[in-house]
Amino acid sequence: MLTMSKWLLVISGGLLIVDSILMFTGKANPLFGWPLPCPVTLTLLGLGTILFGLSSKAFEKLSKDLV
């Protein structure tokens, strides 16, 4: 799960860079004309962050303390 979260964060980071370049230059999003930042980018970023939080050692410790 940690590996998957890292990949999602790397992909979304790259997409955020592309989105910010497109916003700076004033060009439209080439993906279906969606707004910038692209919803796909934000979804990948959110999923990567959630998976990273769930797979972290702090979350494991917290879940053991609650049980």
Protein backbone atom coordinates (compact mmCIF):
# COMPACT_ATOMS: atom_id res chain seq x y z
CA MET A 1 0.00 0.00 0.00
CA LEU A 2 2.91 2.32 0.73
CA THR A 3 4.43 1.70 -2.69
CA MET A 4 1.11 2.44 -4.39
CA SER A 5 0.74 5.69 -2.46
CA LYS A 6 4.24 6.78 -3.48
CA TRP A 7 3.47 6.11 -7.15
CA LEU A 8 0.20 8.04 -6.94
CA LEU A 9 1.95 10.98 -5.30
CA VAL A 10 4.71 11.02 -7.94
CA ILE A 11 2.20 10.87 -10.81
CA SER A 12 -0.01 13.55 -9.30
CA GLY A 13 3.03 15.74 -8.64
CA GLY A 14 3.97 15.57 -12.30
CA LEU A 15 0.41 16.33 -13.35
CA LEU A 16 0.31 19.30 -10.96
CA ILE A 17 3.43 20.71 -12.60
CA VAL A 18 1.83 20.33 -16.05
CA ASP A 19 -1.42 21.91 -14.77
CA SER A 20 0.43 24.88 -13.30
CA ILE A 21 2.35 25.42 -16.55
CA LEU A 22 -0.92 25.35 -18.48
CA MET A 23 -2.52 27.80 -16.02
CA PHE A 24 0.48 30.15 -16.26
CA THR A 25 0.46 30.15 -20.05
CA GLY A 26 -3.34 30.51 -20.20
CA LYS A 27 -3.90 27.40 -22.29
CA ALA A 28 -6.91 25.13 -21.91
CA ASN A 29 -6.65 21.66 -20.44
CA PRO A 30 -6.15 19.15 -23.28
CA LEU A 31 -8.05 16.47 -21.34
CA PHE A 32 -11.73 16.86 -22.34
CA GLY A 33 -11.55 20.61 -21.75
CA TRP A 34 -11.79 20.09 -17.98
CA PRO A 35 -10.90 22.98 -15.66
CA LEU A 36 -7.44 23.45 -14.25
CA PRO A 37 -6.28 21.98 -11.94
CA CYS A 38 -7.62 18.81 -13.47
CA PRO A 39 -9.99 16.71 -11.30
CA VAL A 40 -7.95 13.60 -12.19
CA THR A 41 -4.85 15.25 -10.72
CA LEU A 42 -6.65 16.17 -7.51
CA THR A 43 -8.16 12.69 -7.21
CA LEU A 44 -4.75 11.01 -7.58
CA LEU A 45 -3.26 13.43 -5.07
CA GLY A 46 -6.03 12.73 -2.57
CA LEU A 47 -5.82 8.95 -2.98
CA GLY A 48 -2.03 9.02 -2.64
CA THR A 49 -2.26 11.09 0.52
CA ILE A 50 -4.93 8.87 2.08
CA LEU A 51 -3.04 5.66 1.26
CA PHE A 52 0.18 7.14 2.59
CA GLY A 53 -1.53 8.08 5.84
CA LEU A 54 -3.14 4.66 6.24
CA SER A 55 0.10 2.80 5.58
CA SER A 56 2.25 4.95 7.86
CA LYS A 57 3.61 3.66 11.15
CA ALA A 58 1.85 6.40 13.09
CA PHE A 59 -1.54 5.12 11.89
CA GLU A 60 -0.59 1.55 12.81
CA LYS A 61 0.39 2.67 16.30
CA LEU A 62 -2.83 4.65 16.68
CA SER A 63 -4.99 1.72 15.56
CA LYS A 64 -3.21 -0.61 18.03
CA ASP A 65 -3.78 1.89 20.87
CA LEU A 66 -7.50 2.10 20.08
CA VAL A 67 -7.96 -1.67 20.24
